[in-house]
Amino acid sequence: MRVLYDYQAFLQRQGGVSRYFAELIRALEALPEFEATIPLFFSDNGYLQERKTLLTRRHFKGKERIMDALNLVGARRALSGSFDVFHPTYYRPYFLGRLDRPFVLTVHDMIHEAFGGPEVRDDGTAKNKHELCRKASRIIAVSQSTKSDLCRLLGVPPEKVTVIHHATRMSYRGEPRVHSRPYFLFVGARSGYKNFARFITAAGSVLRRAGGDIVCAGGGSLTRNEREQIHRVGLEGRVAHYGFCTPEELVSLYHFAIALCYPSLYEGFGLPILEAFACGCPVAASGVSSIPEVAGEAAVLFDPLSAESMASALELVMTDSSRRDQLVQAGAKRLQAFSWEVSARKTYAVYQEAM
């Protein structure tokens, strides 16, 4: 079986969507009689080091636009090549009208549809996603929660959608400590539905009494509004930001954290939860959308709309060392339910159905 992927996700330097496809393709290529093609000319994606692409580590004005244009030319040409199934890596519908073979679409979340407005930038994603969902031969949803939202919000027939979970290969192998003081960890983007402002309020009420820091990994530099809030809650000088983290640095940040706090109002899956489990990090997380589906009984869940509920969960994991140990053990056990090898076999079966 030959499957053609495209370049869209790999315009990311790092991020959940491109990591998903890189890990999935790696696991699929271990299966017999499977061949993946990615017509990717230019990329600085951190997950594709072993593939033959031209890496562009240097940043310059207009870089993203130029990379997009060059990769789009290659992607359009590849549509006339030899393959059995096409799997676009995001929702840009440039291939419609050019493709004469089945395509499979992965839906990662329904954030644009569930929030919209100022919470999510209106870049046409929702419209494109809806069109591709109607025309795809098969759809993969990354959680049962996402499948339910997809069917409810877009009217997609449930029988067209297969739930296939993410996994992680991350693990702690003795990496040196990146941050020297006790800290709560926050990973990824912080705006809108990520609920960072309420997290700062909750964490501030705990850290002012008990001491310690907040560490943010990824998600861009702290904004002026974020810095002002940090000052108001009395945490100035106690919130550290690590921008582009190496895999080893991120593993270390997970492993040595008091806990990962994951306060999102919505997630399609919530990969940082699995990453924390893999690195021996306790998890305190929202009890909404896909998060309970992923975390199971291995996290302390709270109401993400209540700073008091969040603060109680953070205080529990900070002050109760035996509870932290229990969470680490439960996380390691829960992690066994997620495997890229299993995800690859299920995805292969979806490709067969599409054919």
Protein backbone atom coordinates (compact mmCIF):
# COMPACT_ATOMS: atom_id res chain seq x y z
CA MET A 1 0.00 0.00 0.00
CA ARG A 2 1.28 3.44 -0.97
CA VAL A 3 0.00 6.43 1.01
CA LEU A 4 0.66 10.02 0.01
CA TYR A 5 0.86 12.63 2.76
CA ASP A 6 1.35 16.34 2.23
CA TYR A 7 3.39 19.20 3.65
CA GLN A 8 0.82 21.20 5.63
CA ALA A 9 1.53 20.03 9.18
CA PHE A 10 5.28 20.10 8.62
CA LEU A 11 5.34 23.86 8.20
CA GLN A 12 5.27 23.72 12.02
CA ARG A 13 8.66 23.83 13.68
CA GLN A 14 7.14 21.77 16.47
CA GLY A 15 3.60 21.03 17.61
CA GLY A 16 1.03 18.35 18.22
CA VAL A 17 -0.26 17.89 14.65
CA SER A 18 3.15 17.48 13.04
CA ARG A 19 4.30 15.22 15.87
CA TYR A 20 1.21 13.06 15.36
CA PHE A 21 1.94 12.55 11.66
CA ALA A 22 5.68 12.00 12.16
CA GLU A 23 5.07 9.33 14.81
CA LEU A 24 2.22 7.71 12.89
CA ILE A 25 4.23 7.49 9.66
CA ARG A 26 7.23 6.09 11.54
CA ALA A 27 5.06 3.33 13.03
CA LEU A 28 3.28 2.63 9.72
CA GLU A 29 6.60 2.23 7.89
CA ALA A 30 7.42 -0.65 10.22
CA LEU A 31 4.48 -2.58 8.76
CA PRO A 32 5.09 -4.89 5.77
CA GLU A 33 4.06 -3.66 2.33
CA PHE A 34 3.55 -0.08 3.43
CA GLU A 35 5.19 2.90 1.73
CA ALA A 36 4.80 6.55 2.72
CA THR A 37 5.53 9.52 0.47
CA ILE A 38 5.85 13.09 1.78
CA PRO A 39 6.60 15.56 -1.04
CA LEU A 40 8.24 18.04 1.30
CA PHE A 41 11.01 20.25 -0.07
CA PHE A 42 11.58 22.82 2.67
CA SER A 43 10.90 22.37 6.39
CA ASP A 44 12.44 23.11 9.76
CA ASN A 45 10.17 20.66 11.55
CA GLY A 46 11.93 19.06 14.51
CA TYR A 47 10.36 15.63 14.03
CA LEU A 48 11.60 14.96 10.49
CA GLN A 49 15.35 14.90 11.02
CA GLU A 50 15.72 11.45 9.50
CA ARG A 51 13.84 12.27 6.28
CA LYS A 52 15.40 13.86 3.21
CA THR A 53 14.10 17.42 3.32
CA LEU A 54 15.89 20.73 3.04
CA LEU A 55 15.97 22.10 6.58
CA THR A 56 15.76 25.87 6.92
CA ARG A 57 16.80 26.73 10.44
CA ARG A 58 17.46 30.37 9.51
CA HIS A 59 14.49 32.67 9.99
CA PHE A 60 13.87 35.58 7.62
CA LYS A 61 11.01 37.83 6.57
CA GLY A 62 8.43 36.00 4.48
CA LYS A 63 9.92 32.58 5.21
CA GLU A 64 6.60 30.89 5.97
CA ARG A 65 4.97 32.24 2.81
CA ILE A 66 7.88 31.14 0.62
CA MET A 67 8.04 27.67 2.17
CA ASP A 68 4.29 27.26 1.76
CA ALA A 69 4.38 28.25 -1.92
CA LEU A 70 7.29 25.94 -2.81
CA ASN A 71 5.87 22.97 -0.92
CA LEU A 72 2.43 23.52 -2.45
CA VAL A 73 3.90 23.17 -5.95
CA GLY A 74 5.43 19.82 -4.98
CA ALA A 75 2.22 18.64 -3.32
CA ARG A 76 0.13 19.39 -6.41
CA ARG A 77 2.58 17.55 -8.64
CA ALA A 78 2.55 14.53 -6.33
CA LEU A 79 -1.20 14.14 -6.78
CA SER A 80 -0.59 12.74 -10.27
CA GLY A 81 1.92 10.19 -8.98
CA SER A 82 1.60 6.56 -7.95
CA PHE A 83 -0.25 6.01 -4.65
CA ASP A 84 -3.38 4.32 -3.32
CA VAL A 85 -4.66 6.69 -0.61
CA PHE A 86 -4.07 10.37 0.12
CA HIS A 87 -3.89 11.60 3.73
CA PRO A 88 -3.70 15.42 3.95
CA THR A 89 -2.04 16.58 7.14
CA TYR A 90 -4.34 19.56 7.71
CA TYR A 91 -7.49 21.12 6.30
CA ARG A 92 -6.40 23.17 3.28
CA PRO A 93 -8.53 21.82 0.40
CA TYR A 94 -6.09 22.65 -2.45
CA PHE A 95 -6.32 19.08 -3.76
CA LEU A 96 -10.07 18.95 -4.37
CA GLY A 97 -10.74 18.77 -8.08
CA ARG A 98 -7.26 17.35 -8.69
CA LEU A 99 -7.48 14.10 -6.71
CA ASP A 100 -8.86 10.96 -8.36
CA ARG A 101 -8.23 8.56 -5.47
CA PRO A 102 -9.72 8.19 -1.95
CA PHE A 103 -8.53 10.39 0.87
CA VAL A 104 -8.58 9.94 4.64
CA LEU A 105 -8.85 12.93 6.96
CA THR A 106 -7.73 13.17 10.60
CA VAL A 107 -9.81 15.52 12.76
CA HIS A 108 -7.76 16.60 15.77
CA ASP A 109 -10.38 18.68 17.56
CA MET A 110 -13.46 20.85 17.06
CA ILE A 111 -12.07 23.99 18.70
CA HIS A 112 -12.98 26.32 15.83
CA GLU A 113 -16.57 25.09 15.87
CA ALA A 114 -16.93 24.94 19.66
CA PHE A 115 -15.43 28.38 20.32
CA GLY A 116 -14.97 30.54 17.23
CA GLY A 117 -15.13 34.32 17.71
CA PRO A 118 -12.18 35.99 19.45
CA GLU A 119 -11.14 32.71 21.11
CA VAL A 120 -9.90 31.27 17.81
CA ARG A 121 -8.51 33.15 14.82
CA ASP A 122 -10.91 32.94 11.84
CA ASP A 123 -8.61 31.69 9.09
CA GLY A 124 -11.11 29.58 7.18
CA THR A 125 -10.23 26.39 9.06
CA ALA A 126 -13.79 25.58 10.11
CA LYS A 127 -15.16 26.03 6.57
CA ASN A 128 -12.36 23.96 5.03
CA LYS A 129 -12.69 21.22 7.63
CA HIS A 130 -16.43 20.96 7.00
CA GLU A 131 -15.90 20.62 3.25
CA LEU A 132 -13.21 17.96 3.63
CA CYS A 133 -15.28 15.98 6.15
CA ARG A 134 -18.11 15.80 3.62
CA LYS A 135 -15.83 14.57 0.82
CA ALA A 136 -13.39 12.31 2.70
CA SER A 137 -13.69 8.58 2.17
CA ARG A 138 -13.01 7.93 5.85
CA ILE A 139 -12.33 10.13 8.90
CA ILE A 140 -10.06 9.46 11.87
CA ALA A 141 -10.95 11.18 15.15
CA VAL A 142 -8.28 11.25 17.85
CA SER A 143 -10.73 10.67 20.70
CA GLN A 144 -14.30 9.58 21.30
CA SER A 145 -14.99 13.10 22.55
CA THR A 146 -13.81 14.56 19.24
CA LYS A 147 -15.89 12.04 17.28
CA SER A 148 -19.00 12.94 19.26
CA ASP A 149 -18.42 16.66 18.67
CA LEU A 150 -17.68 16.08 14.98
CA CYS A 151 -20.90 14.18 14.43
CA ARG A 152 -22.95 16.60 16.55
CA LEU A 153 -21.60 19.86 15.13
CA LEU A 154 -21.07 18.90 11.47
CA GLY A 155 -23.61 16.12 11.04
CA VAL A 156 -21.01 13.56 9.95
CA PRO A 157 -22.41 9.99 9.97
CA PRO A 158 -20.86 8.10 12.94
CA GLU A 159 -20.10 5.06 10.77
CA LYS A 160 -17.73 7.19 8.69
CA VAL A 161 -15.53 7.99 11.71
CA THR A 162 -12.99 5.75 13.45
CA VAL A 163 -11.49 6.72 16.82
CA ILE A 164 -7.72 6.18 16.97
CA HIS A 165 -5.85 7.57 19.95
CA HIS A 166 -2.46 9.27 20.03
CA ALA A 167 0.49 7.77 21.91
CA THR A 168 3.96 8.91 22.91
CA ARG A 169 7.51 7.56 22.78
CA MET A 170 8.74 10.11 25.28
CA SER A 171 10.47 8.82 28.42
CA TYR A 172 12.87 10.06 31.08
CA ARG A 173 16.42 8.72 30.68
CA GLY A 174 18.30 10.69 33.31
CA GLU A 175 18.37 14.07 31.57
CA PRO A 176 19.82 16.85 33.75
CA ARG A 177 17.47 19.20 35.56
CA VAL A 178 16.58 22.30 33.52
CA HIS A 179 14.88 24.35 36.27
CA SER A 180 16.33 24.25 39.76
CA ARG A 181 13.37 25.29 41.99
CA PRO A 182 10.05 23.46 42.65
CA TYR A 183 7.51 24.36 39.96
CA PHE A 184 4.17 23.68 38.33
CA LEU A 185 4.53 23.02 34.60
CA PHE A 186 2.35 24.48 31.83
CA VAL A 187 2.99 23.16 28.30
CA GLY A 188 2.04 24.69 24.96
CA ALA A 189 -0.18 27.56 23.83
CA ARG A 190 -1.74 29.75 26.51
CA SER A 191 -4.40 31.92 24.87
CA GLY A 192 -8.18 31.62 24.90
CA TYR A 193 -9.53 28.17 25.70
CA LYS A 194 -6.14 27.11 27.11
CA ASN A 195 -7.30 28.91 30.29
CA PHE A 196 -3.88 30.22 31.29
CA ALA A 197 -5.19 33.33 33.07
CA ARG A 198 -7.32 31.28 35.47
CA PHE A 199 -4.37 28.95 36.03
CA ILE A 200 -2.17 31.89 37.05
CA THR A 201 -4.82 33.00 39.56
CA ALA A 202 -5.14 29.48 41.01
CA ALA A 203 -1.43 28.74 41.08
CA GLY A 204 -0.70 32.14 42.59
CA SER A 205 -2.92 31.44 45.58
CA VAL A 206 -0.99 28.22 46.21
CA LEU A 207 2.55 29.38 45.48
CA ARG A 208 2.32 32.54 47.57
CA ARG A 209 1.84 30.32 50.64
CA ALA A 210 4.01 27.35 49.76
CA GLY A 211 6.77 28.83 47.58
CA GLY A 212 7.89 27.59 44.18
CA ASP A 213 7.60 28.70 40.56
CA ILE A 214 5.61 28.27 37.38
CA VAL A 215 7.42 27.02 34.28
CA CYS A 216 5.89 27.52 30.82
CA ALA A 217 7.26 25.41 27.96
CA GLY A 218 6.62 26.52 24.37
CA GLY A 219 3.65 28.63 23.35
CA GLY A 220 5.57 31.78 22.47
CA SER A 221 6.91 34.50 24.74
CA LEU A 222 4.81 35.78 27.62
CA THR A 223 2.55 38.61 26.49
CA ARG A 224 2.25 41.99 28.14
CA ASN A 225 -1.18 41.07 29.57
CA GLU A 226 0.23 37.84 30.97
CA ARG A 227 3.16 39.66 32.60
CA GLU A 228 0.79 42.20 34.11
CA GLN A 229 -1.39 39.47 35.60
CA ILE A 230 1.66 37.67 36.96
CA HIS A 231 2.61 40.92 38.69
CA ARG A 232 -0.92 41.42 40.10
CA VAL A 233 -1.05 37.95 41.68
CA GLY A 234 2.36 38.40 43.31
CA LEU A 235 4.38 35.99 41.14
CA GLU A 236 6.72 38.45 39.48
CA GLY A 237 10.12 36.81 38.97
CA ARG A 238 8.64 33.36 39.63
CA VAL A 239 7.28 32.49 36.16
CA ALA A 240 9.92 31.12 33.80
CA HIS A 241 9.39 30.60 30.07
CA TYR A 242 11.35 28.10 27.95
CA GLY A 243 10.62 28.69 24.27
CA PHE A 244 11.73 26.12 21.72
CA CYS A 245 12.65 23.13 23.92
CA THR A 246 14.73 20.20 22.74
CA PRO A 247 13.09 16.82 23.40
CA GLU A 248 15.57 16.24 26.24
CA GLU A 249 14.77 19.61 27.84
CA LEU A 250 11.03 18.96 27.66
CA VAL A 251 11.45 15.50 29.21
CA SER A 252 13.44 17.06 32.05
CA LEU A 253 10.82 19.76 32.64
CA TYR A 254 8.13 17.10 32.92
CA HIS A 255 10.13 14.77 35.16
CA PHE A 256 11.15 17.33 37.79
CA ALA A 257 7.84 19.23 37.96
CA ILE A 258 5.60 19.10 41.03
CA ALA A 259 2.83 18.48 38.50
CA LEU A 260 1.70 19.25 34.99
CA CYS A 261 -1.30 21.56 35.20
CA TYR A 262 -3.57 21.17 32.18
CA PRO A 263 -6.49 23.58 32.64
CA SER A 264 -7.89 23.68 29.09
CA LEU A 265 -11.57 24.32 28.55
CA TYR A 266 -11.44 21.98 25.54
CA GLU A 267 -9.00 19.49 24.01
CA GLY A 268 -9.31 17.12 21.08
CA PHE A 269 -6.94 14.72 22.82
CA GLY A 270 -4.42 16.30 25.20
CA LEU A 271 -1.04 14.77 24.34
CA PRO A 272 0.86 16.52 27.19
CA ILE A 273 -1.04 14.28 29.61
CA LEU A 274 0.52 11.16 28.08
CA GLU A 275 3.91 12.87 27.93
CA ALA A 276 3.69 13.65 31.63
CA PHE A 277 2.75 10.03 32.40
CA ALA A 278 5.73 8.85 30.37
CA CYS A 279 8.13 11.11 32.27
CA GLY A 280 6.93 10.31 35.79
CA CYS A 281 5.12 13.62 36.26
CA PRO A 282 1.87 13.89 38.29
CA VAL A 283 -1.05 15.48 36.42
CA ALA A 284 -3.75 17.91 37.57
CA ALA A 285 -6.17 18.57 34.72
CA SER A 286 -9.59 19.78 33.64
CA GLY A 287 -12.40 17.29 33.88
CA VAL A 288 -13.88 18.26 30.49
CA SER A 289 -13.99 17.17 26.81
CA SER A 290 -11.43 14.44 25.97
CA ILE A 291 -9.26 14.91 29.05
CA PRO A 292 -10.96 12.33 31.32
CA GLU A 293 -10.96 9.89 28.38
CA VAL A 294 -7.17 10.18 28.14
CA ALA A 295 -6.26 10.57 31.82
CA GLY A 296 -8.58 7.93 33.24
CA GLU A 297 -8.04 7.59 37.00
CA ALA A 298 -4.42 8.74 36.78
CA ALA A 299 -4.94 12.50 37.24
CA VAL A 300 -6.48 14.87 39.75
CA LEU A 301 -9.37 16.45 37.82
CA PHE A 302 -10.85 19.87 38.55
CA ASP A 303 -13.48 22.27 37.27
CA PRO A 304 -11.60 24.50 34.77
CA LEU A 305 -14.11 27.34 35.26
CA SER A 306 -13.34 27.51 38.97
CA ALA A 307 -10.02 28.94 40.16
CA GLU A 308 -10.84 27.58 43.61
CA SER A 309 -11.29 24.03 42.29
CA MET A 310 -8.04 24.30 40.35
CA ALA A 311 -6.17 25.69 43.37
CA SER A 312 -7.41 22.82 45.55
CA ALA A 313 -6.08 20.28 43.04
CA LEU A 314 -2.71 22.04 42.81
CA GLU A 315 -2.41 22.31 46.57
CA LEU A 316 -3.16 18.60 46.92
CA VAL A 317 -0.38 17.52 44.57
CA MET A 318 2.04 20.04 46.06
CA THR A 319 1.55 19.10 49.72
CA ASP A 320 0.78 15.36 49.58
CA SER A 321 3.88 13.44 48.49
CA SER A 322 2.15 10.05 48.80
CA ARG A 323 -0.60 11.26 46.45
CA ARG A 324 2.04 12.38 43.95
CA ASP A 325 3.64 8.94 44.10
CA GLN A 326 0.25 7.31 43.51
CA LEU A 327 -0.37 9.55 40.50
CA VAL A 328 3.02 8.70 38.99
CA GLN A 329 2.33 4.97 39.35
CA ALA A 330 -1.21 5.30 37.98
CA GLY A 331 0.10 7.36 35.05
CA ALA A 332 2.65 4.71 34.12
CA LYS A 333 -0.11 2.09 34.15
CA ARG A 334 -2.51 4.25 32.17
CA LEU A 335 0.16 4.87 29.53
CA GLN A 336 0.13 1.18 28.60
CA ALA A 337 -3.29 1.70 26.96
CA PHE A 338 -1.72 3.93 24.28
CA SER A 339 0.65 2.68 21.58
CA TRP A 340 1.78 4.09 18.23
CA GLU A 341 2.08 0.52 16.93
CA VAL A 342 -1.60 -0.12 17.73
CA SER A 343 -2.56 3.26 16.28
CA ALA A 344 -0.65 2.43 13.08
CA ARG A 345 -2.43 -0.92 12.62
CA LYS A 346 -5.82 0.74 13.12
CA THR A 347 -4.91 3.50 10.68
CA TYR A 348 -3.77 0.93 8.12
CA ALA A 349 -7.21 -0.72 8.43
CA VAL A 350 -8.89 2.64 7.76
CA TYR A 351 -6.76 3.06 4.61
CA GLN A 352 -7.91 -0.39 3.46
CA GLU A 353 -11.54 0.59 4.02
CA ALA A 354 -11.02 3.80 2.04
CA MET A 355 -9.57 1.79 -0.86
